[in-house]
C-alpha atoms as a PDB file:
ATOM      1  CA  UNK A   1     122.499 135.906  47.225  1.00  0.00           C
ATOM      2  CA  UNK A   2     120.468 138.230  49.464  1.00  0.00           C
ATOM      3  CA  UNK A   3     117.372 136.151  48.811  1.00  0.00           C
ATOM      4  CA  UNK A   4     119.193 132.977  49.877  1.00  0.00           C
ATOM      5  CA  UNK A   5     120.531 134.651  53.036  1.00  0.00           C
ATOM      6  CA  UNK A   6     117.073 136.025  53.818  1.00  0.00           C
ATOM      7  CA  UNK A   7     115.637 132.515  53.500  1.00  0.00           C
ATOM      8  CA  UNK A   8     118.362 130.833  55.595  1.00  0.00           C
ATOM      9  CA  UNK A   9     118.225 133.230  58.562  1.00  0.00           C
ATOM     10  CA  UNK A  10     114.635 132.321  59.577  1.00  0.00           C
ATOM     11  CA  UNK A  11     115.437 128.621  59.042  1.00  0.00           C
ATOM     12  CA  UNK A  12     118.494 128.819  61.300  1.00  0.00           C
ATOM     13  CA  UNK A  13     116.437 130.641  63.960  1.00  0.00           C
ATOM     14  CA  UNK A  14     113.802 127.923  63.757  1.00  0.00           C
ATOM     15  CA  UNK A  15     116.391 125.161  64.107  1.00  0.00           C
ATOM     16  CA  UNK A  16     118.031 126.925  67.064  1.00  0.00           C
ATOM     17  CA  UNK A  17     114.669 127.123  68.813  1.00  0.00           C
ATOM     18  CA  UNK A  18     114.006 123.386  68.491  1.00  0.00           C
ATOM     19  CA  UNK A  19     114.746 121.498  71.700  1.00  0.00           C
ATOM     20  CA  UNK A  20     117.868 119.349  71.692  1.00  0.00           C
ATOM     21  CA  UNK A  21     117.286 115.689  72.352  1.00  0.00           C
ATOM     22  CA  UNK A  22     117.713 114.184  75.787  1.00  0.00           C
ATOM     23  CA  UNK A  23     120.164 111.358  76.273  1.00  0.00           C
ATOM     24  CA  UNK A  24     119.574 108.646  78.861  1.00  0.00           C
ATOM     25  CA  UNK A  25     122.247 106.394  80.313  1.00  0.00           C
ATOM     26  CA  UNK A  26     120.887 103.184  81.878  1.00  0.00           C
ATOM     27  CA  UNK A  27     123.169 101.250  84.202  1.00  0.00           C
ATOM     28  CA  UNK A  28     122.683  98.062  86.207  1.00  0.00           C
ATOM     29  CA  UNK A  29     124.055  97.595  89.716  1.00  0.00           C
ATOM     30  CA  UNK A  30     126.587  95.099  88.331  1.00  0.00           C
ATOM     31  CA  UNK A  31     127.855  97.605  85.741  1.00  0.00           C
ATOM     32  CA  UNK A  32     128.358 100.286  88.391  1.00  0.00           C
ATOM     33  CA  UNK A  33     129.974  97.818  90.816  1.00  0.00           C
ATOM     34  CA  UNK A  34     132.506  96.789  88.169  1.00  0.00           C
ATOM     35  CA  UNK A  35     133.691 100.414  87.985  1.00  0.00           C
ATOM     36  CA  UNK A  36     133.482 101.146  91.735  1.00  0.00           C
ATOM     37  CA  UNK A  37     135.060  97.956  93.141  1.00  0.00           C
ATOM     38  CA  UNK A  38     138.691  98.744  92.138  1.00  0.00           C
ATOM     39  CA  UNK A  39     138.545 101.953  94.237  1.00  0.00           C
ATOM     40  CA  UNK A  40     138.197  99.973  97.470  1.00  0.00           C
ATOM     41  CA  UNK A  41     139.192  99.472 100.217  1.00  0.00           C
ATOM     42  CA  UNK A  42     139.066 103.049 101.525  1.00  0.00           C
ATOM     43  CA  UNK A  43     141.037 103.760 104.682  1.00  0.00           C
ATOM     44  CA  UNK A  44     140.943 106.690 107.052  1.00  0.00           C
ATOM     45  CA  UNK A  45     141.720 107.695 110.585  1.00  0.00           C
ATOM     46  CA  UNK A  46     140.696 110.511 112.853  1.00  0.00           C
ATOM     47  CA  UNK A  47     139.579 111.333 116.370  1.00  0.00           C
ATOM     48  CA  UNK A  48     137.141 108.403 116.374  1.00  0.00           C
ATOM     49  CA  UNK A  49     139.698 105.823 115.323  1.00  0.00           C
ATOM     50  CA  UNK A  50     140.800 104.049 112.157  1.00  0.00           C
ATOM     51  CA  UNK A  51     138.240 102.774 109.649  1.00  0.00           C
ATOM     52  CA  UNK A  52     138.373 100.577 106.547  1.00  0.00           C
ATOM     53  CA  UNK A  53     135.458 100.479 104.074  1.00  0.00           C
ATOM     54  CA  UNK A  54     135.497  97.482 101.725  1.00  0.00           C
ATOM     55  CA  UNK A  55     133.475  95.107  99.563  1.00  0.00           C
ATOM     56  CA  UNK A  56     131.166  97.642  97.859  1.00  0.00           C
ATOM     57  CA  UNK A  57     127.758  96.463  96.667  1.00  0.00           C
ATOM     58  CA  UNK A  58     125.581  98.870  94.705  1.00  0.00           C
ATOM     59  CA  UNK A  59     122.068  99.357  96.103  1.00  0.00           C
ATOM     60  CA  UNK A  60     119.402 100.612  93.688  1.00  0.00           C
ATOM     61  CA  UNK A  61     116.226 101.374  95.649  1.00  0.00           C
ATOM     62  CA  UNK A  62     113.167 101.467  93.345  1.00  0.00           C
ATOM     63  CA  UNK A  63     111.874 104.995  92.769  1.00  0.00           C
ATOM     64  CA  UNK A  64     114.888 106.623  94.414  1.00  0.00           C
ATOM     65  CA  UNK A  65     116.973 109.395  92.891  1.00  0.00           C
ATOM     66  CA  UNK A  66     119.991 108.368  95.015  1.00  0.00           C
ATOM     67  CA  UNK A  67     122.625 105.689  94.537  1.00  0.00           C
ATOM     68  CA  UNK A  68     123.441 103.478  97.511  1.00  0.00           C
ATOM     69  CA  UNK A  69     126.621 101.550  98.187  1.00  0.00           C
ATOM     70  CA  UNK A  70     126.642  98.792 100.794  1.00  0.00           C
ATOM     71  CA  UNK A  71     129.989  98.368 102.551  1.00  0.00           C
ATOM     72  CA  UNK A  72     131.770  96.166 105.053  1.00  0.00           C
ATOM     73  CA  UNK A  73     133.262  98.251 107.870  1.00  0.00           C
ATOM     74  CA  UNK A  74     136.250  97.332 110.027  1.00  0.00           C
ATOM     75  CA  UNK A  75     137.350  99.800 112.687  1.00  0.00           C
ATOM     76  CA  UNK A  76     139.692 100.271 115.590  1.00  0.00           C
ATOM     77  CA  UNK A  77     137.987 102.743 117.927  1.00  0.00           C
ATOM     78  CA  UNK A  78     139.477 104.648 120.886  1.00  0.00           C
ATOM     79  CA  UNK A  79     140.341 102.439 123.829  1.00  0.00           C
ATOM     80  CA  UNK A  80     141.354  99.603 121.498  1.00  0.00           C
ATOM     81  CA  UNK A  81     137.743  98.632 120.739  1.00  0.00           C
ATOM     82  CA  UNK A  82     137.536  96.640 117.493  1.00  0.00           C
ATOM     83  CA  UNK A  83     134.308  96.838 115.506  1.00  0.00           C
ATOM     84  CA  UNK A  84     132.855  95.165 112.435  1.00  0.00           C
ATOM     85  CA  UNK A  85     129.722  96.464 110.794  1.00  0.00           C
ATOM     86  CA  UNK A  86     127.672  96.691 107.636  1.00  0.00           C
ATOM     87  CA  UNK A  87     126.895 100.155 106.303  1.00  0.00           C
ATOM     88  CA  UNK A  88     124.963 101.699 103.453  1.00  0.00           C
ATOM     89  CA  UNK A  89     126.136 105.055 102.166  1.00  0.00           C
ATOM     90  CA  UNK A  90     124.016 106.819  99.607  1.00  0.00           C
ATOM     91  CA  UNK A  91     124.319 110.008  97.631  1.00  0.00           C
ATOM     92  CA  UNK A  92     123.147 112.034  94.712  1.00  0.00           C
ATOM     93  CA  UNK A  93     124.649 111.354  91.322  1.00  0.00           C
ATOM     94  CA  UNK A  94     126.733 114.266  90.066  1.00  0.00           C
ATOM     95  CA  UNK A  95     127.908 114.841  86.509  1.00  0.00           C
ATOM     96  CA  UNK A  96     131.053 116.522  85.162  1.00  0.00           C
ATOM     97  CA  UNK A  97     130.248 117.434  81.526  1.00  0.00           C
ATOM     98  CA  UNK A  98     133.856 118.286  80.686  1.00  0.00           C
ATOM     99  CA  UNK A  99     135.016 114.806  81.607  1.00  0.00           C
ATOM    100  CA  UNK A 100     131.665 113.093  80.820  1.00  0.00           C
ATOM    101  CA  UNK A 101     131.868 111.353  84.188  1.00  0.00           C
ATOM    102  CA  UNK A 102     129.302 110.568  86.868  1.00  0.00           C
ATOM    103  CA  UNK A 103     130.290 110.676  90.555  1.00  0.00           C
ATOM    104  CA  UNK A 104     128.631 110.192  93.937  1.00  0.00           C
ATOM    105  CA  UNK A 105     127.798 113.624  95.408  1.00  0.00           C
ATOM    106  CA  UNK A 106     127.155 114.495  99.026  1.00  0.00           C
ATOM    107  CA  UNK A 107     127.384 110.950 100.414  1.00  0.00           C
ATOM    108  CA  UNK A 108     125.599 110.307 103.703  1.00  0.00           C
ATOM    109  CA  UNK A 109     125.405 107.352 106.035  1.00  0.00           C
ATOM    110  CA  UNK A 110     121.993 105.799 105.473  1.00  0.00           C
ATOM    111  CA  UNK A 111     122.357 102.808 107.789  1.00  0.00           C
ATOM    112  CA  UNK A 112     124.919 101.165 110.038  1.00  0.00           C
ATOM    113  CA  UNK A 113     124.525  97.751 111.688  1.00  0.00           C
ATOM    114  CA  UNK A 114     127.186  96.950 114.261  1.00  0.00           C
ATOM    115  CA  UNK A 115     125.891  94.061 116.336  1.00  0.00           C
ATOM    116  CA  UNK A 116     126.824  94.244 120.003  1.00  0.00           C
ATOM    117  CA  UNK A 117     128.533  97.633 119.775  1.00  0.00           C
ATOM    118  CA  UNK A 118     127.359  99.833 122.644  1.00  0.00           C
ATOM    119  CA  UNK A 119     127.392 103.587 123.123  1.00  0.00           C
ATOM    120  CA  UNK A 120     129.446 105.672 122.876  1.00  0.00           C
ATOM    121  CA  UNK A 121     131.275 103.390 120.440  1.00  0.00           C
ATOM    122  CA  UNK A 122     128.331 103.012 118.052  1.00  0.00           C
ATOM    123  CA  UNK A 123     128.170 106.811 117.659  1.00  0.00           C
ATOM    124  CA  UNK A 124     131.941 107.015 117.230  1.00  0.00           C
ATOM    125  CA  UNK A 125     131.793 104.400 114.501  1.00  0.00           C
ATOM    126  CA  UNK A 126     128.957 106.247 112.723  1.00  0.00           C
ATOM    127  CA  UNK A 127     130.968 109.503 112.851  1.00  0.00           C
ATOM    128  CA  UNK A 128     134.098 107.779 111.540  1.00  0.00           C
ATOM    129  CA  UNK A 129     132.251 106.104 108.634  1.00  0.00           C
ATOM    130  CA  UNK A 130     130.451 109.357 107.780  1.00  0.00           C
ATOM    131  CA  UNK A 131     133.714 111.312 107.748  1.00  0.00           C
ATOM    132  CA  UNK A 132     135.500 108.783 105.564  1.00  0.00           C
ATOM    133  CA  UNK A 133     132.569 108.525 103.142  1.00  0.00           C
ATOM    134  CA  UNK A 134     132.344 112.312 102.749  1.00  0.00           C
ATOM    135  CA  UNK A 135     136.079 112.671 102.257  1.00  0.00           C
ATOM    136  CA  UNK A 136     136.847 109.759  99.961  1.00  0.00           C
ATOM    137  CA  UNK A 137     133.730 108.586  98.127  1.00  0.00           C
ATOM    138  CA  UNK A 138     132.937 111.643  95.942  1.00  0.00           C
ATOM    139  CA  UNK A 139     136.159 111.051  94.013  1.00  0.00           C
ATOM    140  CA  UNK A 140     134.969 107.644  92.807  1.00  0.00           C
ATOM    141  CA  UNK A 141     133.880 107.678  89.186  1.00  0.00           C
ATOM    142  CA  UNK A 142     130.647 105.721  88.699  1.00  0.00           C
ATOM    143  CA  UNK A 143     130.549 105.804  84.910  1.00  0.00           C
ATOM    144  CA  UNK A 144     132.193 107.606  81.975  1.00  0.00           C
ATOM    145  CA  UNK A 145     130.342 108.247  78.714  1.00  0.00           C
ATOM    146  CA  UNK A 146     132.499 106.981  75.855  1.00  0.00           C
ATOM    147  CA  UNK A 147     134.192 109.776  73.893  1.00  0.00           C
ATOM    148  CA  UNK A 148     132.706 110.413  70.485  1.00  0.00           C
ATOM    149  CA  UNK A 149     129.312 108.895  71.282  1.00  0.00           C
ATOM    150  CA  UNK A 150     127.285 110.257  68.329  1.00  0.00           C
ATOM    151  CA  UNK A 151     123.955 110.032  70.151  1.00  0.00           C
ATOM    152  CA  UNK A 152     125.143 112.405  72.850  1.00  0.00           C
ATOM    153  CA  UNK A 153     125.687 115.683  71.008  1.00  0.00           C
ATOM    154  CA  UNK A 154     124.537 118.763  72.916  1.00  0.00           C
ATOM    155  CA  UNK A 155     122.811 116.633  75.544  1.00  0.00           C
ATOM    156  CA  UNK A 156     126.121 116.216  77.398  1.00  0.00           C
ATOM    157  CA  UNK A 157     125.784 119.583  79.101  1.00  0.00           C
ATOM    158  CA  UNK A 158     123.561 118.998  82.144  1.00  0.00           C
ATOM    159  CA  UNK A 159     122.357 116.097  84.289  1.00  0.00           C
ATOM    160  CA  UNK A 160     118.582 116.624  84.211  1.00  0.00           C
ATOM    161  CA  UNK A 161     117.660 113.790  86.520  1.00  0.00           C
ATOM    162  CA  UNK A 162     118.522 110.460  88.083  1.00  0.00           C
ATOM    163  CA  UNK A 163     116.108 107.736  89.113  1.00  0.00           C
ATOM    164  CA  UNK A 164     116.008 104.016  89.712  1.00  0.00           C
ATOM    165  CA  UNK A 165     113.561 102.180  87.487  1.00  0.00           C
ATOM    166  CA  UNK A 166     113.293  98.508  86.570  1.00  0.00           C
ATOM    167  CA  UNK A 167     116.472  97.649  88.484  1.00  0.00           C
ATOM    168  CA  UNK A 168     118.596 100.196  86.650  1.00  0.00           C
ATOM    169  CA  UNK A 169     119.939 103.640  87.425  1.00  0.00           C
ATOM    170  CA  UNK A 170     118.678 106.007  84.701  1.00  0.00           C
ATOM    171  CA  UNK A 171     120.631 109.211  84.197  1.00  0.00           C
ATOM    172  CA  UNK A 172     118.983 111.746  81.899  1.00  0.00           C
ATOM    173  CA  UNK A 173     121.197 114.345  80.252  1.00  0.00           C
ATOM    174  CA  UNK A 174     120.024 117.391  78.352  1.00  0.00           C
ATOM    175  CA  UNK A 175     121.152 120.703  76.972  1.00  0.00           C
END
């Protein structure tokens, strides 16, 4: 029995030292949109007025490590000024290993096009959209790895990287 134990200990140490396999999730813009769309519209109000973000469209910029979401913006700014705009909010992809869910982290306003809106209203609108995006968009789940996925194993621990390649968002998980 001692001989068997002596033989198994080095084998178990060798197996423990072997790197665990990476696991890559590849998602198209349409797949992400199907999950994100039911979470809109997003509404908020504050010192710069009331804002509604709607009609999300996923933007996957080639070579980027960020996920973009194009949005329609409707706002009622101070002084009764109504505004319509198109915005793109982007953010890092975060991962919750306990729930096996991906979320948008640290969203920021990448672009805002509000034709004919002059200062200071354009700045007010940008502040209002930024505030709403930061407050309400990180809670949107982008994707959930199916429970019991046999290929996942120990790789479900850490998000190693995110990148856009060939029109897909690639999320690499590892131990």
